[in-house]
Amino acid sequence: MTVFHFFNCAILTFGPHAVYYSATPLSEYDTLGTSVKAAIAYLGTALVKLVCLATFLKVSENDCFDPYQVALSFPYELLEGILMVLFIESVAYGFPSNPFPR
């Protein structure tokens, strides 16, 4: 079910952009390579996040709000954001020699 949800989110995320890209003159500016790299990076980080959340977080038996589970899911959200920023910087500026300068 997680894989089905992953592909459903991927299609809903990238489907409208693919239609817009092919219907406008944007495709003439050779941005397809960057778009494909961004899509692969997003899908990779989303898949890793889904697998980690499904593996390490338990599902509660009742429908009550559990702040402990929300606190456990926060590091995965933070890691996904950091990885996406590092990927975007590496595509835009090349791989940095020191990704965390002082």
PDB file of N, CA and C in Angstrom:
ATOM      1  N   MET A   1       0.824  -1.193   0.000  1.00  0.00           N
ATOM      2  CA  MET A   1       0.000   0.000   0.000  1.00  0.00           C
ATOM      3  C   MET A   1       0.869   1.258   0.000  1.00  0.00           C
ATOM      4  N   THR A   2       2.021   1.201   0.670  1.00  0.00           N
ATOM      5  CA  THR A   2       2.914   2.356   0.708  1.00  0.00           C
ATOM      6  C   THR A   2       3.451   2.672  -0.675  1.00  0.00           C
ATOM      7  N   VAL A   3       3.790   1.643  -1.441  1.00  0.00           N
ATOM      8  CA  VAL A   3       4.313   1.869  -2.788  1.00  0.00           C
ATOM      9  C   VAL A   3       3.221   2.463  -3.679  1.00  0.00           C
ATOM     10  N   PHE A   4       1.987   1.988  -3.540  1.00  0.00           N
ATOM     11  CA  PHE A   4       0.890   2.557  -4.311  1.00  0.00           C
ATOM     12  C   PHE A   4       0.700   4.032  -3.965  1.00  0.00           C
ATOM     13  N   HIS A   5       0.755   4.357  -2.684  1.00  0.00           N
ATOM     14  CA  HIS A   5       0.627   5.752  -2.247  1.00  0.00           C
ATOM     15  C   HIS A   5       1.786   6.595  -2.806  1.00  0.00           C
ATOM     16  N   PHE A   6       2.990   6.041  -2.812  1.00  0.00           N
ATOM     17  CA  PHE A   6       4.158   6.738  -3.341  1.00  0.00           C
ATOM     18  C   PHE A   6       3.969   7.076  -4.824  1.00  0.00           C
ATOM     19  N   PHE A   7       3.570   6.097  -5.634  1.00  0.00           N
ATOM     20  CA  PHE A   7       3.389   6.358  -7.057  1.00  0.00           C
ATOM     21  C   PHE A   7       2.214   7.298  -7.312  1.00  0.00           C
ATOM     22  N   ASN A   8       1.174   7.226  -6.514  1.00  0.00           N
ATOM     23  CA  ASN A   8       0.042   8.128  -6.645  1.00  0.00           C
ATOM     24  C   ASN A   8       0.489   9.561  -6.377  1.00  0.00           C
ATOM     25  N   CYS A   9       1.264   9.765  -5.315  1.00  0.00           N
ATOM     26  CA  CYS A   9       1.772  11.111  -5.012  1.00  0.00           C
ATOM     27  C   CYS A   9       2.715  11.600  -6.103  1.00  0.00           C
ATOM     28  N   ALA A  10       3.540  10.709  -6.639  1.00  0.00           N
ATOM     29  CA  ALA A  10       4.474  11.104  -7.692  1.00  0.00           C
ATOM     30  C   ALA A  10       3.731  11.542  -8.951  1.00  0.00           C
ATOM     31  N   ILE A  11       2.699  10.818  -9.322  1.00  0.00           N
ATOM     32  CA  ILE A  11       1.932  11.184 -10.514  1.00  0.00           C
ATOM     33  C   ILE A  11       1.196  12.497 -10.301  1.00  0.00           C
ATOM     34  N   LEU A  12       0.614  12.663  -9.124  1.00  0.00           N
ATOM     35  CA  LEU A  12      -0.085  13.919  -8.844  1.00  0.00           C
ATOM     36  C   LEU A  12       0.869  15.098  -8.734  1.00  0.00           C
ATOM     37  N   THR A  13       2.107  14.846  -8.340  1.00  0.00           N
ATOM     38  CA  THR A  13       3.086  15.920  -8.221  1.00  0.00           C
ATOM     39  C   THR A  13       3.645  16.322  -9.570  1.00  0.00           C
ATOM     40  N   PHE A  14       4.034  15.358 -10.388  1.00  0.00           N
ATOM     41  CA  PHE A  14       4.750  15.668 -11.621  1.00  0.00           C
ATOM     42  C   PHE A  14       3.883  15.645 -12.875  1.00  0.00           C
ATOM     43  N   GLY A  15       2.689  15.110 -12.808  1.00  0.00           N
ATOM     44  CA  GLY A  15       1.828  15.056 -13.984  1.00  0.00           C
ATOM     45  C   GLY A  15       1.466  16.419 -14.557  1.00  0.00           C
ATOM     46  N   PRO A  16       0.935  17.331 -13.738  1.00  0.00           N
ATOM     47  CA  PRO A  16       0.589  18.652 -14.285  1.00  0.00           C
ATOM     48  C   PRO A  16       1.799  19.425 -14.798  1.00  0.00           C
ATOM     49  N   HIS A  17       2.943  19.263 -14.161  1.00  0.00           N
ATOM     50  CA  HIS A  17       4.143  19.959 -14.624  1.00  0.00           C
ATOM     51  C   HIS A  17       4.614  19.413 -15.967  1.00  0.00           C
ATOM     52  N   ALA A  18       4.491  18.115 -16.164  1.00  0.00           N
ATOM     53  CA  ALA A  18       4.879  17.520 -17.439  1.00  0.00           C
ATOM     54  C   ALA A  18       3.977  18.017 -18.566  1.00  0.00           C
ATOM     55  N   VAL A  19       2.683  18.131 -18.296  1.00  0.00           N
ATOM     56  CA  VAL A  19       1.755  18.651 -19.308  1.00  0.00           C
ATOM     57  C   VAL A  19       2.066  20.110 -19.615  1.00  0.00           C
ATOM     58  N   TYR A  20       2.304  20.902 -18.584  1.00  0.00           N
ATOM     59  CA  TYR A  20       2.629  22.324 -18.777  1.00  0.00           C
ATOM     60  C   TYR A  20       3.947  22.488 -19.522  1.00  0.00           C
ATOM     61  N   TYR A  21       4.938  21.663 -19.203  1.00  0.00           N
ATOM     62  CA  TYR A  21       6.243  21.734 -19.850  1.00  0.00           C
ATOM     63  C   TYR A  21       6.128  21.432 -21.341  1.00  0.00           C
ATOM     64  N   SER A  22       5.349  20.433 -21.696  1.00  0.00           N
ATOM     65  CA  SER A  22       5.251  20.063 -23.107  1.00  0.00           C
ATOM     66  C   SER A  22       4.336  20.999 -23.894  1.00  0.00           C
ATOM     67  N   ALA A  23       3.451  21.723 -23.213  1.00  0.00           N
ATOM     68  CA  ALA A  23       2.500  22.585 -23.913  1.00  0.00           C
ATOM     69  C   ALA A  23       3.002  24.013 -24.095  1.00  0.00           C
ATOM     70  N   THR A  24       4.092  24.381 -23.453  1.00  0.00           N
ATOM     71  CA  THR A  24       4.593  25.752 -23.535  1.00  0.00           C
ATOM     72  C   THR A  24       5.975  25.766 -24.188  1.00  0.00           C
ATOM     73  N   PRO A  25       6.464  26.945 -24.549  1.00  0.00           N
ATOM     74  CA  PRO A  25       7.804  27.025 -25.146  1.00  0.00           C
ATOM     75  C   PRO A  25       8.931  26.804 -24.130  1.00  0.00           C
ATOM     76  N   LEU A  26       8.611  26.457 -22.911  1.00  0.00           N
ATOM     77  CA  LEU A  26       9.629  26.202 -21.901  1.00  0.00           C
ATOM     78  C   LEU A  26      10.548  25.056 -22.308  1.00  0.00           C
ATOM     79  N   SER A  27      10.043  24.126 -23.098  1.00  0.00           N
ATOM     80  CA  SER A  27      10.846  22.978 -23.503  1.00  0.00           C
ATOM     81  C   SER A  27      11.965  23.360 -24.457  1.00  0.00           C
ATOM     82  N   GLU A  28      11.964  24.562 -24.991  1.00  0.00           N
ATOM     83  CA  GLU A  28      13.008  24.988 -25.918  1.00  0.00           C
ATOM     84  C   GLU A  28      14.267  25.468 -25.206  1.00  0.00           C
ATOM     85  N   TYR A  29      14.233  25.629 -23.891  1.00  0.00           N
ATOM     86  CA  TYR A  29      15.367  26.187 -23.167  1.00  0.00           C
ATOM     87  C   TYR A  29      16.245  25.135 -22.509  1.00  0.00           C
ATOM     88  N   ASP A  30      16.113  23.883 -22.887  1.00  0.00           N
ATOM     89  CA  ASP A  30      16.943  22.785 -22.394  1.00  0.00           C
ATOM     90  C   ASP A  30      16.925  22.679 -20.880  1.00  0.00           C
ATOM     91  N   THR A  31      15.753  22.729 -20.321  1.00  0.00           N
ATOM     92  CA  THR A  31      15.625  22.559 -18.879  1.00  0.00           C
ATOM     93  C   THR A  31      15.159  21.151 -18.520  1.00  0.00           C
ATOM     94  N   LEU A  32      15.046  20.299 -19.515  1.00  0.00           N
ATOM     95  CA  LEU A  32      14.562  18.944 -19.258  1.00  0.00           C
ATOM     96  C   LEU A  32      15.522  18.160 -18.368  1.00  0.00           C
ATOM     97  N   GLY A  33      16.813  18.295 -18.602  1.00  0.00           N
ATOM     98  CA  GLY A  33      17.794  17.561 -17.794  1.00  0.00           C
ATOM     99  C   GLY A  33      17.719  17.939 -16.325  1.00  0.00           C
ATOM    100  N   THR A  34      17.628  19.232 -16.052  1.00  0.00           N
ATOM    101  CA  THR A  34      17.520  19.696 -14.667  1.00  0.00           C
ATOM    102  C   THR A  34      16.209  19.240 -14.048  1.00  0.00           C
ATOM    103  N   SER A  35      15.141  19.271 -14.823  1.00  0.00           N
ATOM    104  CA  SER A  35      13.846  18.827 -14.308  1.00  0.00           C
ATOM    105  C   SER A  35      13.860  17.340 -13.980  1.00  0.00           C
ATOM    106  N   VAL A  36      14.498  16.546 -14.810  1.00  0.00           N
ATOM    107  CA  VAL A  36      14.575  15.108 -14.557  1.00  0.00           C
ATOM    108  C   VAL A  36      15.428  14.834 -13.322  1.00  0.00           C
ATOM    109  N   LYS A  37      16.544  15.562 -13.175  1.00  0.00           N
ATOM    110  CA  LYS A  37      17.376  15.383 -11.977  1.00  0.00           C
ATOM    111  C   LYS A  37      16.603  15.754 -10.716  1.00  0.00           C
ATOM    112  N   ALA A  38      15.854  16.836 -10.767  1.00  0.00           N
ATOM    113  CA  ALA A  38      15.065  17.251  -9.603  1.00  0.00           C
ATOM    114  C   ALA A  38      13.977  16.226  -9.293  1.00  0.00           C
ATOM    115  N   ALA A  39      13.350  15.693 -10.323  1.00  0.00           N
ATOM    116  CA  ALA A  39      12.307  14.686 -10.112  1.00  0.00           C
ATOM    117  C   ALA A  39      12.888  13.424  -9.490  1.00  0.00           C
ATOM    118  N   ILE A  40      14.045  12.997  -9.963  1.00  0.00           N
ATOM    119  CA  ILE A  40      14.676  11.798  -9.406  1.00  0.00           C
ATOM    120  C   ILE A  40      15.084  12.038  -7.955  1.00  0.00           C
ATOM    121  N   ALA A  41      15.624  13.232  -7.668  1.00  0.00           N
ATOM    122  CA  ALA A  41      16.017  13.539  -6.288  1.00  0.00           C
ATOM    123  C   ALA A  41      14.800  13.570  -5.375  1.00  0.00           C
ATOM    124  N   TYR A  42      13.715  14.171  -5.836  1.00  0.00           N
ATOM    125  CA  TYR A  42      12.505  14.229  -5.009  1.00  0.00           C
ATOM    126  C   TYR A  42      11.922  12.840  -4.783  1.00  0.00           C
ATOM    127  N   LEU A  43      11.838  12.053  -5.833  1.00  0.00           N
ATOM    128  CA  LEU A  43      11.285  10.707  -5.695  1.00  0.00           C
ATOM    129  C   LEU A  43      12.161   9.853  -4.792  1.00  0.00           C
ATOM    130  N   GLY A  44      13.474  10.002  -4.904  1.00  0.00           N
ATOM    131  CA  GLY A  44      14.382   9.236  -4.045  1.00  0.00           C
ATOM    132  C   GLY A  44      14.224   9.598  -2.582  1.00  0.00           C
ATOM    133  N   THR A  45      14.192  10.900  -2.286  1.00  0.00           N
ATOM    134  CA  THR A  45      14.052  11.299  -0.889  1.00  0.00           C
ATOM    135  C   THR A  45      12.670  10.952  -0.345  1.00  0.00           C
ATOM    136  N   ALA A  46      11.641  11.073  -1.172  1.00  0.00           N
ATOM    137  CA  ALA A  46      10.293  10.719  -0.714  1.00  0.00           C
ATOM    138  C   ALA A  46      10.179   9.220  -0.448  1.00  0.00           C
ATOM    139  N   LEU A  47      10.805   8.407  -1.299  1.00  0.00           N
ATOM    140  CA  LEU A  47      10.753   6.966  -1.098  1.00  0.00           C
ATOM    141  C   LEU A  47      11.502   6.565   0.168  1.00  0.00           C
ATOM    142  N   VAL A  48      12.670   7.153   0.395  1.00  0.00           N
ATOM    143  CA  VAL A  48      13.429   6.849   1.609  1.00  0.00           C
ATOM    144  C   VAL A  48      12.641   7.283   2.842  1.00  0.00           C
ATOM    145  N   LYS A  49      12.013   8.460   2.774  1.00  0.00           N
ATOM    146  CA  LYS A  49      11.225   8.940   3.906  1.00  0.00           C
ATOM    147  C   LYS A  49      10.034   8.016   4.184  1.00  0.00           C
ATOM    148  N   LEU A  50       9.336   7.585   3.136  1.00  0.00           N
ATOM    149  CA  LEU A  50       8.199   6.690   3.328  1.00  0.00           C
ATOM    150  C   LEU A  50       8.619   5.360   3.933  1.00  0.00           C
ATOM    151  N   VAL A  51       9.723   4.817   3.461  1.00  0.00           N
ATOM    152  CA  VAL A  51      10.191   3.533   3.987  1.00  0.00           C
ATOM    153  C   VAL A  51      10.612   3.683   5.446  1.00  0.00           C
ATOM    154  N   CYS A  52      11.326   4.770   5.764  1.00  0.00           N
ATOM    155  CA  CYS A  52      11.747   4.988   7.155  1.00  0.00           C
ATOM    156  C   CYS A  52      10.544   5.197   8.072  1.00  0.00           C
ATOM    157  N   LEU A  53       9.595   5.987   7.642  1.00  0.00           N
ATOM    158  CA  LEU A  53       8.412   6.214   8.480  1.00  0.00           C
ATOM    159  C   LEU A  53       7.610   4.937   8.663  1.00  0.00           C
ATOM    160  N   ALA A  54       7.477   4.155   7.601  1.00  0.00           N
ATOM    161  CA  ALA A  54       6.707   2.917   7.711  1.00  0.00           C
ATOM    162  C   ALA A  54       7.435   1.864   8.542  1.00  0.00           C
ATOM    163  N   THR A  55       8.754   1.941   8.579  1.00  0.00           N
ATOM    164  CA  THR A  55       9.522   0.943   9.317  1.00  0.00           C
ATOM    165  C   THR A  55       9.632   1.277  10.799  1.00  0.00           C
ATOM    166  N   PHE A  56       9.911   2.532  11.120  1.00  0.00           N
ATOM    167  CA  PHE A  56      10.275   2.875  12.490  1.00  0.00           C
ATOM    168  C   PHE A  56       9.150   3.484  13.323  1.00  0.00           C
ATOM    169  N   LEU A  57       8.081   3.924  12.720  1.00  0.00           N
ATOM    170  CA  LEU A  57       6.981   4.487  13.497  1.00  0.00           C
ATOM    171  C   LEU A  57       5.859   3.470  13.607  1.00  0.00           C
ATOM    172  N   LYS A  58       5.326   3.350  14.789  1.00  0.00           N
ATOM    173  CA  LYS A  58       4.232   2.393  14.977  1.00  0.00           C
ATOM    174  C   LYS A  58       2.898   3.086  14.708  1.00  0.00           C
ATOM    175  N   VAL A  59       1.928   2.304  14.362  1.00  0.00           N
ATOM    176  CA  VAL A  59       0.581   2.804  14.122  1.00  0.00           C
ATOM    177  C   VAL A  59      -0.214   2.623  15.406  1.00  0.00           C
ATOM    178  N   SER A  60      -0.836   3.690  15.857  1.00  0.00           N
ATOM    179  CA  SER A  60      -1.599   3.586  17.090  1.00  0.00           C
ATOM    180  C   SER A  60      -2.897   2.820  16.840  1.00  0.00           C
ATOM    181  N   GLU A  61      -3.362   2.172  17.876  1.00  0.00           N
ATOM    182  CA  GLU A  61      -4.580   1.361  17.761  1.00  0.00           C
ATOM    183  C   GLU A  61      -5.839   2.206  17.723  1.00  0.00           C
ATOM    184  N   ASN A  62      -5.782   3.396  18.290  1.00  0.00           N
ATOM    185  CA  ASN A  62      -6.953   4.270  18.272  1.00  0.00           C
ATOM    186  C   ASN A  62      -6.632   5.522  17.459  1.00  0.00           C
ATOM    187  N   ASP A  63      -7.609   6.357  17.273  1.00  0.00           N
ATOM    188  CA  ASP A  63      -7.452   7.530  16.424  1.00  0.00           C
ATOM    189  C   ASP A  63      -7.112   8.795  17.208  1.00  0.00           C
ATOM    190  N   CYS A  64      -6.479   8.664  18.341  1.00  0.00           N
ATOM    191  CA  CYS A  64      -6.138   9.847  19.126  1.00  0.00           C
ATOM    192  C   CYS A  64      -4.787  10.420  18.667  1.00  0.00           C
ATOM    193  N   PHE A  65      -4.600  11.688  18.917  1.00  0.00           N
ATOM    194  CA  PHE A  65      -3.367  12.379  18.543  1.00  0.00           C
ATOM    195  C   PHE A  65      -2.246  11.976  19.487  1.00  0.00           C
ATOM    196  N   ASP A  66      -1.114  11.564  18.933  1.00  0.00           N
ATOM    197  CA  ASP A  66       0.016  11.142  19.746  1.00  0.00           C
ATOM    198  C   ASP A  66       1.203  12.062  19.459  1.00  0.00           C
ATOM    199  N   PRO A  67       1.514  12.998  20.347  1.00  0.00           N
ATOM    200  CA  PRO A  67       2.624  13.922  20.095  1.00  0.00           C
ATOM    201  C   PRO A  67       3.980  13.218  20.028  1.00  0.00           C
ATOM    202  N   TYR A  68       4.114  12.082  20.668  1.00  0.00           N
ATOM    203  CA  TYR A  68       5.368  11.335  20.608  1.00  0.00           C
ATOM    204  C   TYR A  68       5.657  10.873  19.174  1.00  0.00           C
ATOM    205  N   GLN A  69       4.637  10.399  18.473  1.00  0.00           N
ATOM    206  CA  GLN A  69       4.830   9.965  17.089  1.00  0.00           C
ATOM    207  C   GLN A  69       5.164  11.143  16.175  1.00  0.00           C
ATOM    208  N   VAL A  70       4.554  12.284  16.427  1.00  0.00           N
ATOM    209  CA  VAL A  70       4.858  13.475  15.641  1.00  0.00           C
ATOM    210  C   VAL A  70       6.297  13.904  15.891  1.00  0.00           C
ATOM    211  N   ALA A  71       6.737  13.831  17.139  1.00  0.00           N
ATOM    212  CA  ALA A  71       8.118  14.191  17.466  1.00  0.00           C
ATOM    213  C   ALA A  71       9.112  13.222  16.833  1.00  0.00           C
ATOM    214  N   LEU A  72       8.743  11.955  16.718  1.00  0.00           N
ATOM    215  CA  LEU A  72       9.623  10.985  16.069  1.00  0.00           C
ATOM    216  C   LEU A  72       9.689  11.186  14.554  1.00  0.00           C
ATOM    217  N   SER A  73       8.642  11.707  13.947  1.00  0.00           N
ATOM    218  CA  SER A  73       8.654  11.898  12.499  1.00  0.00           C
ATOM    219  C   SER A  73       9.360  13.189  12.089  1.00  0.00           C
ATOM    220  N   PHE A  74       9.585  14.110  13.038  1.00  0.00           N
ATOM    221  CA  PHE A  74      10.216  15.388  12.698  1.00  0.00           C
ATOM    222  C   PHE A  74      11.629  15.234  12.140  1.00  0.00           C
ATOM    223  N   PRO A  75      12.502  14.373  12.686  1.00  0.00           N
ATOM    224  CA  PRO A  75      13.846  14.259  12.095  1.00  0.00           C
ATOM    225  C   PRO A  75      13.837  13.811  10.640  1.00  0.00           C
ATOM    226  N   TYR A  76      12.863  12.990  10.249  1.00  0.00           N
ATOM    227  CA  TYR A  76      12.794  12.563   8.851  1.00  0.00           C
ATOM    228  C   TYR A  76      12.419  13.728   7.942  1.00  0.00           C
ATOM    229  N   GLU A  77      11.519  14.579   8.408  1.00  0.00           N
ATOM    230  CA  GLU A  77      11.149  15.766   7.635  1.00  0.00           C
ATOM    231  C   GLU A  77      12.344  16.707   7.507  1.00  0.00           C
ATOM    232  N   LEU A  78      13.073  16.882   8.580  1.00  0.00           N
ATOM    233  CA  LEU A  78      14.240  17.751   8.575  1.00  0.00           C
ATOM    234  C   LEU A  78      15.326  17.187   7.658  1.00  0.00           C
ATOM    235  N   LEU A  79      15.558  15.892   7.712  1.00  0.00           N
ATOM    236  CA  LEU A  79      16.557  15.269   6.853  1.00  0.00           C
ATOM    237  C   LEU A  79      16.187  15.418   5.378  1.00  0.00           C
ATOM    238  N   GLU A  80      14.917  15.262   5.057  1.00  0.00           N
ATOM    239  CA  GLU A  80      14.485  15.416   3.675  1.00  0.00           C
ATOM    240  C   GLU A  80      14.735  16.845   3.189  1.00  0.00           C
ATOM    241  N   GLY A  81      14.443  17.823   4.018  1.00  0.00           N
ATOM    242  CA  GLY A  81      14.689  19.210   3.636  1.00  0.00           C
ATOM    243  C   GLY A  81      16.158  19.509   3.419  1.00  0.00           C
ATOM    244  N   ILE A  82      17.005  19.000   4.303  1.00  0.00           N
ATOM    245  CA  ILE A  82      18.447  19.224   4.161  1.00  0.00           C
ATOM    246  C   ILE A  82      18.981  18.560   2.897  1.00  0.00           C
ATOM    247  N   LEU A  83      18.554  17.334   2.630  1.00  0.00           N
ATOM    248  CA  LEU A  83      19.024  16.649   1.428  1.00  0.00           C
ATOM    249  C   LEU A  83      18.571  17.350   0.161  1.00  0.00           C
ATOM    250  N   MET A  84      17.343  17.869   0.140  1.00  0.00           N
ATOM    251  CA  MET A  84      16.878  18.576  -1.047  1.00  0.00           C
ATOM    252  C   MET A  84      17.650  19.874  -1.260  1.00  0.00           C
ATOM    253  N   VAL A  85      17.964  20.610  -0.187  1.00  0.00           N
ATOM    254  CA  VAL A  85      18.746  21.844  -0.325  1.00  0.00           C
ATOM    255  C   VAL A  85      20.145  21.537  -0.846  1.00  0.00           C
ATOM    256  N   LEU A  86      20.779  20.490  -0.303  1.00  0.00           N
ATOM    257  CA  LEU A  86      22.109  20.119  -0.784  1.00  0.00           C
ATOM    258  C   LEU A  86      22.074  19.689  -2.241  1.00  0.00           C
ATOM    259  N   PHE A  87      21.021  18.974  -2.646  1.00  0.00           N
ATOM    260  CA  PHE A  87      20.924  18.563  -4.040  1.00  0.00           C
ATOM    261  C   PHE A  87      20.727  19.761  -4.961  1.00  0.00           C
ATOM    262  N   ILE A  88      19.858  20.683  -4.571  1.00  0.00           N
ATOM    263  CA  ILE A  88      19.613  21.858  -5.404  1.00  0.00           C
ATOM    264  C   ILE A  88      20.875  22.688  -5.541  1.00  0.00           C
ATOM    265  N   GLU A  89      21.631  22.837  -4.450  1.00  0.00           N
ATOM    266  CA  GLU A  89      22.883  23.580  -4.531  1.00  0.00           C
ATOM    267  C   GLU A  89      23.899  22.863  -5.403  1.00  0.00           C
ATOM    268  N   SER A  90      23.928  21.540  -5.357  1.00  0.00           N
ATOM    269  CA  SER A  90      24.886  20.817  -6.180  1.00  0.00           C
ATOM    270  C   SER A  90      24.533  20.906  -7.658  1.00  0.00           C
ATOM    271  N   VAL A  91      23.253  20.959  -7.985  1.00  0.00           N
ATOM    272  CA  VAL A  91      22.862  21.111  -9.389  1.00  0.00           C
ATOM    273  C   VAL A  91      23.140  22.530  -9.866  1.00  0.00           C
ATOM    274  N   ALA A  92      22.872  23.509  -9.013  1.00  0.00           N
ATOM    275  CA  ALA A  92      23.032  24.904  -9.422  1.00  0.00           C
ATOM    276  C   ALA A  92      24.485  25.347  -9.451  1.00  0.00           C
ATOM    277  N   TYR A  93      25.272  24.936  -8.459  1.00  0.00           N
ATOM    278  CA  TYR A  93      26.633  25.468  -8.322  1.00  0.00           C
ATOM    279  C   TYR A  93      27.716  24.409  -8.404  1.00  0.00           C
ATOM    280  N   GLY A  94      27.386  23.167  -8.636  1.00  0.00           N
ATOM    281  CA  GLY A  94      28.368  22.095  -8.589  1.00  0.00           C
ATOM    282  C   GLY A  94      28.492  21.590  -7.163  1.00  0.00           C
ATOM    283  N   PHE A  95      29.176  20.487  -6.977  1.00  0.00           N
ATOM    284  CA  PHE A  95      29.321  19.938  -5.638  1.00  0.00           C
ATOM    285  C   PHE A  95      30.259  20.810  -4.816  1.00  0.00           C
ATOM    286  N   PRO A  96      29.827  21.236  -3.646  1.00  0.00           N
ATOM    287  CA  PRO A  96      30.698  22.099  -2.828  1.00  0.00           C
ATOM    288  C   PRO A  96      31.819  21.301  -2.194  1.00  0.00           C
ATOM    289  N   SER A  97      32.988  21.947  -2.050  1.00  0.00           N
ATOM    290  CA  SER A  97      34.097  21.265  -1.391  1.00  0.00           C
ATOM    291  C   SER A  97      33.869  21.191   0.108  1.00  0.00           C
ATOM    292  N   ASN A  98      33.190  22.196   0.665  1.00  0.00           N
ATOM    293  CA  ASN A  98      32.861  22.208   2.092  1.00  0.00           C
ATOM    294  C   ASN A  98      31.380  22.566   2.212  1.00  0.00           C
ATOM    295  N   PRO A  99      30.496  21.580   2.355  1.00  0.00           N
ATOM    296  CA  PRO A  99      29.064  21.897   2.351  1.00  0.00           C
ATOM    297  C   PRO A  99      28.595  22.636   3.596  1.00  0.00           C
ATOM    298  N   PHE A 100      29.358  22.584   4.688  1.00  0.00           N
ATOM    299  CA  PHE A 100      28.968  23.266   5.910  1.00  0.00           C
ATOM    300  C   PHE A 100      30.075  24.213   6.342  1.00  0.00           C
ATOM    301  N   PRO A 101      30.173  25.389   5.700  1.00  0.00           N
ATOM    302  CA  PRO A 101      31.252  26.319   6.086  1.00  0.00           C
ATOM    303  C   PRO A 101      30.984  26.921   7.456  1.00  0.00           C
ATOM    304  N   ARG A 102      32.049  27.389   8.081  1.00  0.00           N
ATOM    305  CA  ARG A 102      31.917  27.987   9.423  1.00  0.00           C
ATOM    306  C   ARG A 102      31.487  29.413   9.346  1.00  0.00           C
TER     307      ARG A 102
END
